[in-house]
Amino acid sequence: PSEVKRLRQSLSQAEQAVGLLKERLFDAKSAQARANHGLQDKDTRLAMLSKQFESSSSTQAHHAEVVETLQNELQRARQQVEALSQQALQMQGKLREIEDWRAQAE
Protein backbone atom coordinates (compact mmCIF):
# COMPACT_ATOMS: atom_id res chain seq x y z
CA PRO A 1 0.00 0.00 0.00
CA SER A 2 2.71 2.49 0.83
CA GLU A 3 4.51 1.70 -2.41
CA VAL A 4 1.30 2.25 -4.36
CA LYS A 5 0.75 5.51 -2.49
CA ARG A 6 4.29 6.62 -3.27
CA LEU A 7 3.88 5.70 -6.93
CA ARG A 8 0.58 7.57 -7.10
CA GLN A 9 2.24 10.64 -5.56
CA SER A 10 5.09 10.34 -8.06
CA LEU A 11 2.57 10.02 -10.88
CA SER A 12 0.66 13.02 -9.57
CA GLN A 13 3.88 15.05 -9.35
CA ALA A 14 4.86 13.94 -12.84
CA GLU A 15 1.43 14.97 -14.16
CA GLN A 16 1.80 18.37 -12.47
CA ALA A 17 5.28 18.72 -13.97
CA VAL A 18 3.90 17.82 -17.42
CA GLY A 19 1.13 20.40 -16.92
CA LEU A 20 3.72 23.07 -16.01
CA LEU A 21 5.84 22.08 -19.00
CA LYS A 22 2.80 22.33 -21.28
CA GLU A 23 2.07 25.84 -19.92
CA ARG A 24 5.70 26.85 -20.44
CA LEU A 25 5.64 25.40 -23.95
CA PHE A 26 2.44 27.32 -24.69
CA ASP A 27 4.02 30.52 -23.31
CA ALA A 28 7.18 29.92 -25.34
CA LYS A 29 5.15 29.32 -28.52
CA SER A 30 3.15 32.49 -27.87
CA ALA A 31 6.36 34.46 -27.36
CA GLN A 32 7.77 32.96 -30.54
CA ALA A 33 4.62 33.92 -32.47
CA ARG A 34 4.85 37.49 -31.14
CA ALA A 35 8.55 37.64 -32.06
CA ASN A 36 7.80 36.31 -35.55
CA HIS A 37 5.04 38.87 -35.98
CA GLY A 38 7.44 41.59 -34.85
CA LEU A 39 10.02 40.38 -37.37
CA GLN A 40 7.42 40.35 -40.13
CA ASP A 41 6.48 43.94 -39.26
CA LYS A 42 10.15 44.93 -39.34
CA ASP A 43 10.66 43.13 -42.67
CA THR A 44 7.65 44.96 -44.11
CA ARG A 45 8.95 48.30 -42.82
CA LEU A 46 12.42 47.57 -44.18
CA ALA A 47 10.98 46.70 -47.59
CA MET A 48 8.96 49.91 -47.55
CA LEU A 49 12.02 51.97 -46.61
CA SER A 50 14.07 50.25 -49.31
CA LYS A 51 11.45 51.15 -51.92
CA GLN A 52 11.37 54.73 -50.66
CA PHE A 53 15.16 54.89 -50.82
CA GLU A 54 15.19 53.48 -54.35
CA SER A 55 12.48 55.95 -55.35
CA SER A 56 14.39 58.79 -53.72
CA SER A 57 17.61 57.74 -55.46
CA SER A 58 15.77 57.54 -58.77
CA THR A 59 14.21 60.95 -58.17
CA GLN A 60 17.60 62.42 -57.26
CA ALA A 61 19.12 60.98 -60.43
CA HIS A 62 16.24 62.41 -62.48
CA HIS A 63 16.64 65.81 -60.82
CA ALA A 64 20.38 65.74 -61.54
CA GLU A 65 19.60 65.06 -65.22
CA VAL A 66 17.06 67.88 -65.30
CA VAL A 67 19.54 70.28 -63.68
CA GLU A 68 22.23 69.29 -66.19
CA THR A 69 19.81 69.76 -69.09
CA LEU A 70 18.77 73.17 -67.78
CA GLN A 71 22.39 74.19 -67.30
CA ASN A 72 23.14 73.17 -70.89
CA GLU A 73 20.11 75.11 -72.15
CA LEU A 74 21.21 78.14 -70.12
CA GLN A 75 24.72 77.91 -71.62
CA ARG A 76 23.25 77.73 -75.14
CA ALA A 77 20.99 80.71 -74.38
CA ARG A 78 24.00 82.69 -73.13
CA GLN A 79 25.87 81.84 -76.32
CA GLN A 80 22.88 82.96 -78.40
CA VAL A 81 22.66 86.21 -76.43
CA GLU A 82 26.37 86.78 -76.98
CA ALA A 83 26.00 86.11 -80.73
CA LEU A 84 22.97 88.43 -80.95
CA SER A 85 24.87 91.10 -79.02
CA GLN A 86 27.72 90.86 -81.52
CA GLN A 87 25.26 91.11 -84.41
CA ALA A 88 23.61 94.14 -82.77
CA LEU A 89 27.00 95.84 -82.40
CA GLN A 90 27.81 95.10 -86.04
CA MET A 91 24.43 96.49 -87.14
CA GLN A 92 24.93 99.58 -85.03
CA GLY A 93 28.31 100.06 -86.69
CA LYS A 94 26.76 99.68 -90.15
CA LEU A 95 23.94 102.05 -89.17
CA ARG A 96 26.48 104.65 -88.11
CA GLU A 97 28.33 104.18 -91.39
CA ILE A 98 25.06 104.66 -93.30
CA GLU A 99 24.16 107.72 -91.22
CA ASP A 100 27.64 109.16 -91.73
CA TRP A 101 27.40 108.49 -95.49
CA ARG A 102 23.97 110.18 -95.59
CA ALA A 103 25.27 113.13 -93.66
CA GLN A 104 28.16 113.49 -96.10
CA ALA A 105 25.84 113.08 -99.07
CA GLU A 106 23.57 115.89 -97.92
PDB file of N, CA and C in Angstrom:
ATOM      1  N   PRO A   1       0.813  -1.204   0.000  1.00  0.00           N
ATOM      2  CA  PRO A   1       0.000   0.000   0.000  1.00  0.00           C
ATOM      3  C   PRO A   1       0.854   1.265   0.000  1.00  0.00           C
ATOM      4  N   SER A   2       1.902   1.280   0.793  1.00  0.00           N
ATOM      5  CA  SER A   2       2.711   2.493   0.831  1.00  0.00           C
ATOM      6  C   SER A   2       3.456   2.690  -0.492  1.00  0.00           C
ATOM      7  N   GLU A   3       3.833   1.607  -1.112  1.00  0.00           N
ATOM      8  CA  GLU A   3       4.513   1.702  -2.414  1.00  0.00           C
ATOM      9  C   GLU A   3       3.549   2.237  -3.471  1.00  0.00           C
ATOM     10  N   VAL A   4       2.317   1.784  -3.421  1.00  0.00           N
ATOM     11  CA  VAL A   4       1.297   2.255  -4.357  1.00  0.00           C
ATOM     12  C   VAL A   4       1.042   3.740  -4.113  1.00  0.00           C
ATOM     13  N   LYS A   5       0.972   4.102  -2.845  1.00  0.00           N
ATOM     14  CA  LYS A   5       0.745   5.506  -2.495  1.00  0.00           C
ATOM     15  C   LYS A   5       1.895   6.361  -2.996  1.00  0.00           C
ATOM     16  N   ARG A   6       3.115   5.887  -2.818  1.00  0.00           N
ATOM     17  CA  ARG A   6       4.294   6.623  -3.272  1.00  0.00           C
ATOM     18  C   ARG A   6       4.297   6.742  -4.802  1.00  0.00           C
ATOM     19  N   LEU A   7       3.935   5.672  -5.479  1.00  0.00           N
ATOM     20  CA  LEU A   7       3.883   5.699  -6.933  1.00  0.00           C
ATOM     21  C   LEU A   7       2.793   6.654  -7.421  1.00  0.00           C
ATOM     22  N   ARG A   8       1.660   6.650  -6.715  1.00  0.00           N
ATOM     23  CA  ARG A   8       0.577   7.568  -7.097  1.00  0.00           C
ATOM     24  C   ARG A   8       1.025   9.022  -6.888  1.00  0.00           C
ATOM     25  N   GLN A   9       1.724   9.278  -5.806  1.00  0.00           N
ATOM     26  CA  GLN A   9       2.241  10.636  -5.558  1.00  0.00           C
ATOM     27  C   GLN A   9       3.236  11.022  -6.646  1.00  0.00           C
ATOM     28  N   SER A  10       4.110  10.074  -6.992  1.00  0.00           N
ATOM     29  CA  SER A  10       5.090  10.336  -8.055  1.00  0.00           C
ATOM     30  C   SER A  10       4.376  10.613  -9.373  1.00  0.00           C
ATOM     31  N   LEU A  11       3.342   9.818  -9.654  1.00  0.00           N
ATOM     32  CA  LEU A  11       2.573  10.019 -10.876  1.00  0.00           C
ATOM     33  C   LEU A  11       1.882  11.371 -10.845  1.00  0.00           C
ATOM     34  N   SER A  12       1.329  11.738  -9.710  1.00  0.00           N
ATOM     35  CA  SER A  12       0.658  13.025  -9.565  1.00  0.00           C
ATOM     36  C   SER A  12       1.658  14.169  -9.769  1.00  0.00           C
ATOM     37  N   GLN A  13       2.837  14.019  -9.175  1.00  0.00           N
ATOM     38  CA  GLN A  13       3.878  15.046  -9.347  1.00  0.00           C
ATOM     39  C   GLN A  13       4.322  15.118 -10.805  1.00  0.00           C
ATOM     40  N   ALA A  14       4.460  13.978 -11.436  1.00  0.00           N
ATOM     41  CA  ALA A  14       4.861  13.944 -12.836  1.00  0.00           C
ATOM     42  C   ALA A  14       3.790  14.610 -13.704  1.00  0.00           C
ATOM     43  N   GLU A  15       2.515  14.342 -13.406  1.00  0.00           N
ATOM     44  CA  GLU A  15       1.430  14.966 -14.163  1.00  0.00           C
ATOM     45  C   GLU A  15       1.439  16.474 -13.964  1.00  0.00           C
ATOM     46  N   GLN A  16       1.706  16.929 -12.740  1.00  0.00           N
ATOM     47  CA  GLN A  16       1.802  18.366 -12.467  1.00  0.00           C
ATOM     48  C   GLN A  16       2.980  18.975 -13.240  1.00  0.00           C
ATOM     49  N   ALA A  17       4.105  18.242 -13.237  1.00  0.00           N
ATOM     50  CA  ALA A  17       5.282  18.720 -13.968  1.00  0.00           C
ATOM     51  C   ALA A  17       4.978  18.797 -15.467  1.00  0.00           C
ATOM     52  N   VAL A  18       4.283  17.812 -16.001  1.00  0.00           N
ATOM     53  CA  VAL A  18       3.895  17.821 -17.416  1.00  0.00           C
ATOM     54  C   VAL A  18       2.964  19.007 -17.683  1.00  0.00           C
ATOM     55  N   GLY A  19       2.038  19.248 -16.758  1.00  0.00           N
ATOM     56  CA  GLY A  19       1.135  20.400 -16.916  1.00  0.00           C
ATOM     57  C   GLY A  19       1.911  21.706 -16.943  1.00  0.00           C
ATOM     58  N   LEU A  20       2.880  21.856 -16.026  1.00  0.00           N
ATOM     59  CA  LEU A  20       3.718  23.067 -16.012  1.00  0.00           C
ATOM     60  C   LEU A  20       4.524  23.183 -17.305  1.00  0.00           C
ATOM     61  N   LEU A  21       5.073  22.064 -17.750  1.00  0.00           N
ATOM     62  CA  LEU A  21       5.841  22.079 -18.996  1.00  0.00           C
ATOM     63  C   LEU A  21       4.955  22.452 -20.180  1.00  0.00           C
ATOM     64  N   LYS A  22       3.727  21.972 -20.205  1.00  0.00           N
ATOM     65  CA  LYS A  22       2.797  22.330 -21.281  1.00  0.00           C
ATOM     66  C   LYS A  22       2.505  23.830 -21.259  1.00  0.00           C
ATOM     67  N   GLU A  23       2.308  24.388 -20.048  1.00  0.00           N
ATOM     68  CA  GLU A  23       2.072  25.836 -19.918  1.00  0.00           C
ATOM     69  C   GLU A  23       3.285  26.621 -20.411  1.00  0.00           C
ATOM     70  N   ARG A  24       4.470  26.165 -20.005  1.00  0.00           N
ATOM     71  CA  ARG A  24       5.701  26.853 -20.441  1.00  0.00           C
ATOM     72  C   ARG A  24       5.869  26.753 -21.954  1.00  0.00           C
ATOM     73  N   LEU A  25       5.559  25.579 -22.505  1.00  0.00           N
ATOM     74  CA  LEU A  25       5.637  25.402 -23.953  1.00  0.00           C
ATOM     75  C   LEU A  25       4.651  26.333 -24.655  1.00  0.00           C
ATOM     76  N   PHE A  26       3.434  26.427 -24.123  1.00  0.00           N
ATOM     77  CA  PHE A  26       2.440  27.324 -24.691  1.00  0.00           C
ATOM     78  C   PHE A  26       2.939  28.772 -24.622  1.00  0.00           C
ATOM     79  N   ASP A  27       3.479  29.175 -23.456  1.00  0.00           N
ATOM     80  CA  ASP A  27       4.019  30.524 -23.305  1.00  0.00           C
ATOM     81  C   ASP A  27       5.168  30.770 -24.284  1.00  0.00           C
ATOM     82  N   ALA A  28       6.043  29.778 -24.427  1.00  0.00           N
ATOM     83  CA  ALA A  28       7.179  29.920 -25.343  1.00  0.00           C
ATOM     84  C   ALA A  28       6.702  30.045 -26.786  1.00  0.00           C
ATOM     85  N   LYS A  29       5.689  29.240 -27.152  1.00  0.00           N
ATOM     86  CA  LYS A  29       5.152  29.319 -28.517  1.00  0.00           C
ATOM     87  C   LYS A  29       4.475  30.671 -28.759  1.00  0.00           C
ATOM     88  N   SER A  30       3.793  31.178 -27.748  1.00  0.00           N
ATOM     89  CA  SER A  30       3.150  32.491 -27.868  1.00  0.00           C
ATOM     90  C   SER A  30       4.209  33.581 -28.042  1.00  0.00           C
ATOM     91  N   ALA A  31       5.282  33.488 -27.248  1.00  0.00           N
ATOM     92  CA  ALA A  31       6.363  34.463 -27.357  1.00  0.00           C
ATOM     93  C   ALA A  31       7.024  34.376 -28.736  1.00  0.00           C
ATOM     94  N   GLN A  32       7.183  33.144 -29.218  1.00  0.00           N
ATOM     95  CA  GLN A  32       7.767  32.957 -30.540  1.00  0.00           C
ATOM     96  C   GLN A  32       6.867  33.562 -31.619  1.00  0.00           C
ATOM     97  N   ALA A  33       5.578  33.359 -31.494  1.00  0.00           N
ATOM     98  CA  ALA A  33       4.622  33.922 -32.470  1.00  0.00           C
ATOM     99  C   ALA A  33       4.681  35.442 -32.446  1.00  0.00           C
ATOM    100  N   ARG A  34       4.754  36.032 -31.237  1.00  0.00           N
ATOM    101  CA  ARG A  34       4.853  37.494 -31.138  1.00  0.00           C
ATOM    102  C   ARG A  34       6.161  37.985 -31.760  1.00  0.00           C
ATOM    103  N   ALA A  35       7.250  37.258 -31.492  1.00  0.00           N
ATOM    104  CA  ALA A  35       8.545  37.637 -32.060  1.00  0.00           C
ATOM    105  C   ALA A  35       8.517  37.539 -33.581  1.00  0.00           C
ATOM    106  N   ASN A  36       7.917  36.468 -34.098  1.00  0.00           N
ATOM    107  CA  ASN A  36       7.799  36.314 -35.554  1.00  0.00           C
ATOM    108  C   ASN A  36       6.964  37.427 -36.161  1.00  0.00           C
ATOM    109  N   HIS A  37       5.883  37.769 -35.491  1.00  0.00           N
ATOM    110  CA  HIS A  37       5.038  38.868 -35.980  1.00  0.00           C
ATOM    111  C   HIS A  37       5.837  40.176 -35.988  1.00  0.00           C
ATOM    112  N   GLY A  38       6.602  40.398 -34.908  1.00  0.00           N
ATOM    113  CA  GLY A  38       7.440  41.591 -34.850  1.00  0.00           C
ATOM    114  C   GLY A  38       8.463  41.617 -35.974  1.00  0.00           C
ATOM    115  N   LEU A  39       9.049  40.459 -36.270  1.00  0.00           N
ATOM    116  CA  LEU A  39      10.017  40.381 -37.366  1.00  0.00           C
ATOM    117  C   LEU A  39       9.349  40.634 -38.714  1.00  0.00           C
ATOM    118  N   GLN A  40       8.144  40.106 -38.886  1.00  0.00           N
ATOM    119  CA  GLN A  40       7.416  40.350 -40.135  1.00  0.00           C
ATOM    120  C   GLN A  40       7.131  41.838 -40.299  1.00  0.00           C
ATOM    121  N   ASP A  41       6.731  42.492 -39.201  1.00  0.00           N
ATOM    122  CA  ASP A  41       6.481  43.936 -39.255  1.00  0.00           C
ATOM    123  C   ASP A  41       7.754  44.685 -39.634  1.00  0.00           C
ATOM    124  N   LYS A  42       8.881  44.268 -39.031  1.00  0.00           N
ATOM    125  CA  LYS A  42      10.152  44.934 -39.342  1.00  0.00           C
ATOM    126  C   LYS A  42      10.571  44.672 -40.779  1.00  0.00           C
ATOM    127  N   ASP A  43      10.345  43.440 -41.276  1.00  0.00           N
ATOM    128  CA  ASP A  43      10.656  43.133 -42.671  1.00  0.00           C
ATOM    129  C   ASP A  43       9.817  43.992 -43.613  1.00  0.00           C
ATOM    130  N   THR A  44       8.538  44.135 -43.289  1.00  0.00           N
ATOM    131  CA  THR A  44       7.651  44.958 -44.109  1.00  0.00           C
ATOM    132  C   THR A  44       8.126  46.408 -44.111  1.00  0.00           C
ATOM    133  N   ARG A  45       8.462  46.906 -42.939  1.00  0.00           N
ATOM    134  CA  ARG A  45       8.950  48.297 -42.816  1.00  0.00           C
ATOM    135  C   ARG A  45      10.260  48.475 -43.583  1.00  0.00           C
ATOM    136  N   LEU A  46      11.146  47.496 -43.465  1.00  0.00           N
ATOM    137  CA  LEU A  46      12.419  47.567 -44.178  1.00  0.00           C
ATOM    138  C   LEU A  46      12.200  47.564 -45.685  1.00  0.00           C
ATOM    139  N   ALA A  47      11.286  46.730 -46.158  1.00  0.00           N
ATOM    140  CA  ALA A  47      10.977  46.696 -47.593  1.00  0.00           C
ATOM    141  C   ALA A  47      10.412  48.037 -48.050  1.00  0.00           C
ATOM    142  N   MET A  48       9.544  48.620 -47.225  1.00  0.00           N
ATOM    143  CA  MET A  48       8.960  49.914 -47.553  1.00  0.00           C
ATOM    144  C   MET A  48      10.043  50.990 -47.623  1.00  0.00           C
ATOM    145  N   LEU A  49      10.932  50.993 -46.628  1.00  0.00           N
ATOM    146  CA  LEU A  49      12.015  51.973 -46.612  1.00  0.00           C
ATOM    147  C   LEU A  49      12.961  51.777 -47.794  1.00  0.00           C
ATOM    148  N   SER A  50      13.207  50.526 -48.154  1.00  0.00           N
ATOM    149  CA  SER A  50      14.068  50.250 -49.314  1.00  0.00           C
ATOM    150  C   SER A  50      13.447  50.809 -50.588  1.00  0.00           C
ATOM    151  N   LYS A  51      12.133  50.606 -50.737  1.00  0.00           N
ATOM    152  CA  LYS A  51      11.448  51.146 -51.916  1.00  0.00           C
ATOM    153  C   LYS A  51      11.503  52.666 -51.928  1.00  0.00           C
ATOM    154  N   GLN A  52      11.302  53.277 -50.747  1.00  0.00           N
ATOM    155  CA  GLN A  52      11.365  54.734 -50.662  1.00  0.00           C
ATOM    156  C   GLN A  52      12.762  55.225 -51.008  1.00  0.00           C
ATOM    157  N   PHE A  53      13.783  54.504 -50.532  1.00  0.00           N
ATOM    158  CA  PHE A  53      15.159  54.893 -50.822  1.00  0.00           C
ATOM    159  C   PHE A  53      15.440  54.784 -52.310  1.00  0.00           C
ATOM    160  N   GLU A  54      14.993  53.656 -52.921  1.00  0.00           N
ATOM    161  CA  GLU A  54      15.186  53.484 -54.352  1.00  0.00           C
ATOM    162  C   GLU A  54      14.472  54.587 -55.128  1.00  0.00           C
ATOM    163  N   SER A  55      13.255  54.892 -54.703  1.00  0.00           N
ATOM    164  CA  SER A  55      12.482  55.946 -55.353  1.00  0.00           C
ATOM    165  C   SER A  55      13.183  57.285 -55.194  1.00  0.00           C
ATOM    166  N   SER A  56      13.685  57.538 -53.988  1.00  0.00           N
ATOM    167  CA  SER A  56      14.394  58.787 -53.716  1.00  0.00           C
ATOM    168  C   SER A  56      15.656  58.877 -54.558  1.00  0.00           C
ATOM    169  N   SER A  57      16.396  57.763 -54.657  1.00  0.00           N
ATOM    170  CA  SER A  57      17.612  57.742 -55.465  1.00  0.00           C
ATOM    171  C   SER A  57      17.283  57.991 -56.927  1.00  0.00           C
ATOM    172  N   SER A  58      16.203  57.360 -57.388  1.00  0.00           N
ATOM    173  CA  SER A  58      15.769  57.537 -58.769  1.00  0.00           C
ATOM    174  C   SER A  58      15.362  58.989 -59.008  1.00  0.00           C
ATOM    175  N   THR A  59      14.640  59.555 -58.052  1.00  0.00           N
ATOM    176  CA  THR A  59      14.215  60.952 -58.167  1.00  0.00           C
ATOM    177  C   THR A  59      15.418  61.876 -58.169  1.00  0.00           C
ATOM    178  N   GLN A  60      16.393  61.599 -57.301  1.00  0.00           N
ATOM    179  CA  GLN A  60      17.601  62.423 -57.264  1.00  0.00           C
ATOM    180  C   GLN A  60      18.348  62.344 -58.583  1.00  0.00           C
ATOM    181  N   ALA A  61      18.441  61.137 -59.143  1.00  0.00           N
ATOM    182  CA  ALA A  61      19.120  60.981 -60.427  1.00  0.00           C
ATOM    183  C   ALA A  61      18.374  61.754 -61.512  1.00  0.00           C
ATOM    184  N   HIS A  62      17.049  61.670 -61.493  1.00  0.00           N
ATOM    185  CA  HIS A  62      16.245  62.409 -62.475  1.00  0.00           C
ATOM    186  C   HIS A  62      16.450  63.912 -62.310  1.00  0.00           C
ATOM    187  N   HIS A  63      16.433  64.377 -61.065  1.00  0.00           N
ATOM    188  CA  HIS A  63      16.643  65.809 -60.817  1.00  0.00           C
ATOM    189  C   HIS A  63      18.022  66.251 -61.288  1.00  0.00           C
ATOM    190  N   ALA A  64      19.025  65.403 -61.079  1.00  0.00           N
ATOM    191  CA  ALA A  64      20.378  65.738 -61.541  1.00  0.00           C
ATOM    192  C   ALA A  64      20.394  65.868 -63.060  1.00  0.00           C
ATOM    193  N   GLU A  65      19.682  64.973 -63.760  1.00  0.00           N
ATOM    194  CA  GLU A  65      19.598  65.055 -65.221  1.00  0.00           C
ATOM    195  C   GLU A  65      18.893  66.337 -65.658  1.00  0.00           C
ATOM    196  N   VAL A  66      17.812  66.666 -64.965  1.00  0.00           N
ATOM    197  CA  VAL A  66      17.062  67.882 -65.297  1.00  0.00           C
ATOM    198  C   VAL A  66      17.937  69.115 -65.082  1.00  0.00           C
ATOM    199  N   VAL A  67      18.657  69.143 -63.965  1.00  0.00           N
ATOM    200  CA  VAL A  67      19.538  70.283 -63.677  1.00  0.00           C
ATOM    201  C   VAL A  67      20.609  70.394 -64.756  1.00  0.00           C
ATOM    202  N   GLU A  68      21.199  69.260 -65.146  1.00  0.00           N
ATOM    203  CA  GLU A  68      22.235  69.286 -66.186  1.00  0.00           C
ATOM    204  C   GLU A  68      21.661  69.788 -67.511  1.00  0.00           C
ATOM    205  N   THR A  69      20.464  69.308 -67.851  1.00  0.00           N
ATOM    206  CA  THR A  69      19.812  69.757 -69.088  1.00  0.00           C
ATOM    207  C   THR A  69      19.550  71.260 -69.047  1.00  0.00           C
ATOM    208  N   LEU A  70      19.043  71.741 -67.911  1.00  0.00           N
ATOM    209  CA  LEU A  70      18.766  73.171 -67.781  1.00  0.00           C
ATOM    210  C   LEU A  70      20.047  74.000 -67.838  1.00  0.00           C
ATOM    211  N   GLN A  71      21.110  73.478 -67.239  1.00  0.00           N
ATOM    212  CA  GLN A  71      22.391  74.193 -67.303  1.00  0.00           C
ATOM    213  C   GLN A  71      22.893  74.270 -68.746  1.00  0.00           C
ATOM    214  N   ASN A  72      22.733  73.170 -69.482  1.00  0.00           N
ATOM    215  CA  ASN A  72      23.139  73.169 -70.892  1.00  0.00           C
ATOM    216  C   ASN A  72      22.306  74.157 -71.702  1.00  0.00           C
ATOM    217  N   GLU A  73      20.991  74.167 -71.441  1.00  0.00           N
ATOM    218  CA  GLU A  73      20.114  75.110 -72.149  1.00  0.00           C
ATOM    219  C   GLU A  73      20.492  76.551 -71.802  1.00  0.00           C
ATOM    220  N   LEU A  74      20.803  76.798 -70.548  1.00  0.00           N
ATOM    221  CA  LEU A  74      21.213  78.138 -70.119  1.00  0.00           C
ATOM    222  C   LEU A  74      22.505  78.547 -70.821  1.00  0.00           C
ATOM    223  N   GLN A  75      23.447  77.618 -70.931  1.00  0.00           N
ATOM    224  CA  GLN A  75      24.716  77.908 -71.616  1.00  0.00           C
ATOM    225  C   GLN A  75      24.462  78.244 -73.083  1.00  0.00           C
ATOM    226  N   ARG A  76      23.576  77.445 -73.735  1.00  0.00           N
ATOM    227  CA  ARG A  76      23.246  77.725 -75.138  1.00  0.00           C
ATOM    228  C   ARG A  76      22.561  79.091 -75.267  1.00  0.00           C
ATOM    229  N   ALA A  77      21.673  79.410 -74.335  1.00  0.00           N
ATOM    230  CA  ALA A  77      20.991  80.705 -74.375  1.00  0.00           C
ATOM    231  C   ALA A  77      22.002  81.843 -74.202  1.00  0.00           C
ATOM    232  N   ARG A  78      22.955  81.652 -73.312  1.00  0.00           N
ATOM    233  CA  ARG A  78      23.998  82.685 -73.127  1.00  0.00           C
ATOM    234  C   ARG A  78      24.810  82.872 -74.407  1.00  0.00           C
ATOM    235  N   GLN A  79      25.120  81.759 -75.071  1.00  0.00           N
ATOM    236  CA  GLN A  79      25.874  81.843 -76.323  1.00  0.00           C
ATOM    237  C   GLN A  79      25.056  82.571 -77.387  1.00  0.00           C
ATOM    238  N   GLN A  80      23.745  82.279 -77.427  1.00  0.00           N
ATOM    239  CA  GLN A  80      22.879  82.957 -78.398  1.00  0.00           C
ATOM    240  C   GLN A  80      22.810  84.447 -78.099  1.00  0.00           C
ATOM    241  N   VAL A  81      22.700  84.789 -76.811  1.00  0.00           N
ATOM    242  CA  VAL A  81      22.656  86.208 -76.432  1.00  0.00           C
ATOM    243  C   VAL A  81      23.959  86.893 -76.835  1.00  0.00           C
ATOM    244  N   GLU A  82      25.071  86.211 -76.601  1.00  0.00           N
ATOM    245  CA  GLU A  82      26.373  86.776 -76.982  1.00  0.00           C
ATOM    246  C   GLU A  82      26.443  86.990 -78.491  1.00  0.00           C
ATOM    247  N   ALA A  83      25.981  85.992 -79.264  1.00  0.00           N
ATOM    248  CA  ALA A  83      25.995  86.113 -80.733  1.00  0.00           C
ATOM    249  C   ALA A  83      25.083  87.253 -81.182  1.00  0.00           C
ATOM    250  N   LEU A  84      23.893  87.342 -80.583  1.00  0.00           N
ATOM    251  CA  LEU A  84      22.972  88.429 -80.948  1.00  0.00           C
ATOM    252  C   LEU A  84      23.543  89.792 -80.558  1.00  0.00           C
ATOM    253  N   SER A  85      24.237  89.833 -79.431  1.00  0.00           N
ATOM    254  CA  SER A  85      24.865  91.099 -79.016  1.00  0.00           C
ATOM    255  C   SER A  85      25.920  91.512 -80.029  1.00  0.00           C
ATOM    256  N   GLN A  86      26.697  90.560 -80.503  1.00  0.00           N
ATOM    257  CA  GLN A  86      27.720  90.859 -81.515  1.00  0.00           C
ATOM    258  C   GLN A  86      27.064  91.359 -82.805  1.00  0.00           C
ATOM    259  N   GLN A  87      25.975  90.678 -83.207  1.00  0.00           N
ATOM    260  CA  GLN A  87      25.260  91.108 -84.412  1.00  0.00           C
ATOM    261  C   GLN A  87      24.695  92.512 -84.225  1.00  0.00           C
ATOM    262  N   ALA A  88      24.178  92.816 -83.050  1.00  0.00           N
ATOM    263  CA  ALA A  88      23.615  94.139 -82.774  1.00  0.00           C
ATOM    264  C   ALA A  88      24.716  95.191 -82.867  1.00  0.00           C
ATOM    265  N   LEU A  89      25.887  94.885 -82.311  1.00  0.00           N
ATOM    266  CA  LEU A  89      27.004  95.836 -82.401  1.00  0.00           C
ATOM    267  C   LEU A  89      27.423  96.063 -83.848  1.00  0.00           C
ATOM    268  N   GLN A  90      27.454  94.971 -84.629  1.00  0.00           N
ATOM    269  CA  GLN A  90      27.809  95.104 -86.043  1.00  0.00           C
ATOM    270  C   GLN A  90      26.776  95.947 -86.779  1.00  0.00           C
ATOM    271  N   MET A  91      25.494  95.722 -86.487  1.00  0.00           N
ATOM    272  CA  MET A  91      24.433  96.490 -87.139  1.00  0.00           C
ATOM    273  C   MET A  91      24.496  97.963 -86.734  1.00  0.00           C
ATOM    274  N   GLN A  92      24.791  98.191 -85.473  1.00  0.00           N
ATOM    275  CA  GLN A  92      24.928  99.581 -85.029  1.00  0.00           C
ATOM    276  C   GLN A  92      26.079 100.262 -85.769  1.00  0.00           C
ATOM    277  N   GLY A  93      27.175  99.511 -85.932  1.00  0.00           N
ATOM    278  CA  GLY A  93      28.313 100.056 -86.687  1.00  0.00           C
ATOM    279  C   GLY A  93      27.922 100.366 -88.118  1.00  0.00           C
ATOM    280  N   LYS A  94      27.202  99.461 -88.773  1.00  0.00           N
ATOM    281  CA  LYS A  94      26.758  99.678 -90.145  1.00  0.00           C
ATOM    282  C   LYS A  94      25.785 100.850 -90.212  1.00  0.00           C
ATOM    283  N   LEU A  95      24.890 100.944 -89.208  1.00  0.00           N
ATOM    284  CA  LEU A  95      23.935 102.047 -89.175  1.00  0.00           C
ATOM    285  C   LEU A  95      24.669 103.381 -89.063  1.00  0.00           C
ATOM    286  N   ARG A  96      25.687 103.410 -88.232  1.00  0.00           N
ATOM    287  CA  ARG A  96      26.481 104.651 -88.113  1.00  0.00           C
ATOM    288  C   ARG A  96      27.155 104.986 -89.442  1.00  0.00           C
ATOM    289  N   GLU A  97      27.681 103.939 -90.098  1.00  0.00           N
ATOM    290  CA  GLU A  97      28.326 104.180 -91.391  1.00  0.00           C
ATOM    291  C   GLU A  97      27.319 104.758 -92.382  1.00  0.00           C
ATOM    292  N   ILE A  98      26.097 104.167 -92.391  1.00  0.00           N
ATOM    293  CA  ILE A  98      25.062 104.659 -93.304  1.00  0.00           C
ATOM    294  C   ILE A  98      24.677 106.080 -92.930  1.00  0.00           C
ATOM    295  N   GLU A  99      24.510 106.368 -91.635  1.00  0.00           N
ATOM    296  CA  GLU A  99      24.158 107.718 -91.217  1.00  0.00           C
ATOM    297  C   GLU A  99      25.264 108.707 -91.557  1.00  0.00           C
ATOM    298  N   ASP A 100      26.521 108.285 -91.371  1.00  0.00           N
ATOM    299  CA  ASP A 100      27.640 109.161 -91.728  1.00  0.00           C
ATOM    300  C   ASP A 100      27.657 109.401 -93.250  1.00  0.00           C
ATOM    301  N   TRP A 101      27.414 108.358 -94.041  1.00  0.00           N
ATOM    302  CA  TRP A 101      27.402 108.487 -95.486  1.00  0.00           C
ATOM    303  C   TRP A 101      26.297 109.434 -95.923  1.00  0.00           C
ATOM    304  N   ARG A 102      25.087 109.283 -95.279  1.00  0.00           N
ATOM    305  CA  ARG A 102      23.965 110.176 -95.590  1.00  0.00           C
ATOM    306  C   ARG A 102      24.319 111.619 -95.258  1.00  0.00           C
ATOM    307  N   ALA A 103      24.912 111.772 -94.085  1.00  0.00           N
ATOM    308  CA  ALA A 103      25.270 113.132 -93.657  1.00  0.00           C
ATOM    309  C   ALA A 103      26.255 113.750 -94.652  1.00  0.00           C
ATOM    310  N   GLN A 104      27.178 112.956 -95.149  1.00  0.00           N
ATOM    311  CA  GLN A 104      28.156 113.487 -96.098  1.00  0.00           C
ATOM    312  C   GLN A 104      27.496 113.740 -97.462  1.00  0.00           C
ATOM    313  N   ALA A 105      26.505 112.935 -97.797  1.00  0.00           N
ATOM    314  CA  ALA A 105      25.836 113.083 -99.072  1.00  0.00           C
ATOM    315  C   ALA A 105      24.952 114.313 -99.093  1.00  0.00           C
ATOM    316  N   GLU A 106      24.496 114.742 -97.958  1.00  0.00           N
ATOM    317  CA  GLU A 106      23.573 115.895 -97.918  1.00  0.00           C
ATOM    318  C   GLU A 106      24.333 117.136 -97.957  1.00  0.00           C
TER     319      GLU A 106
END
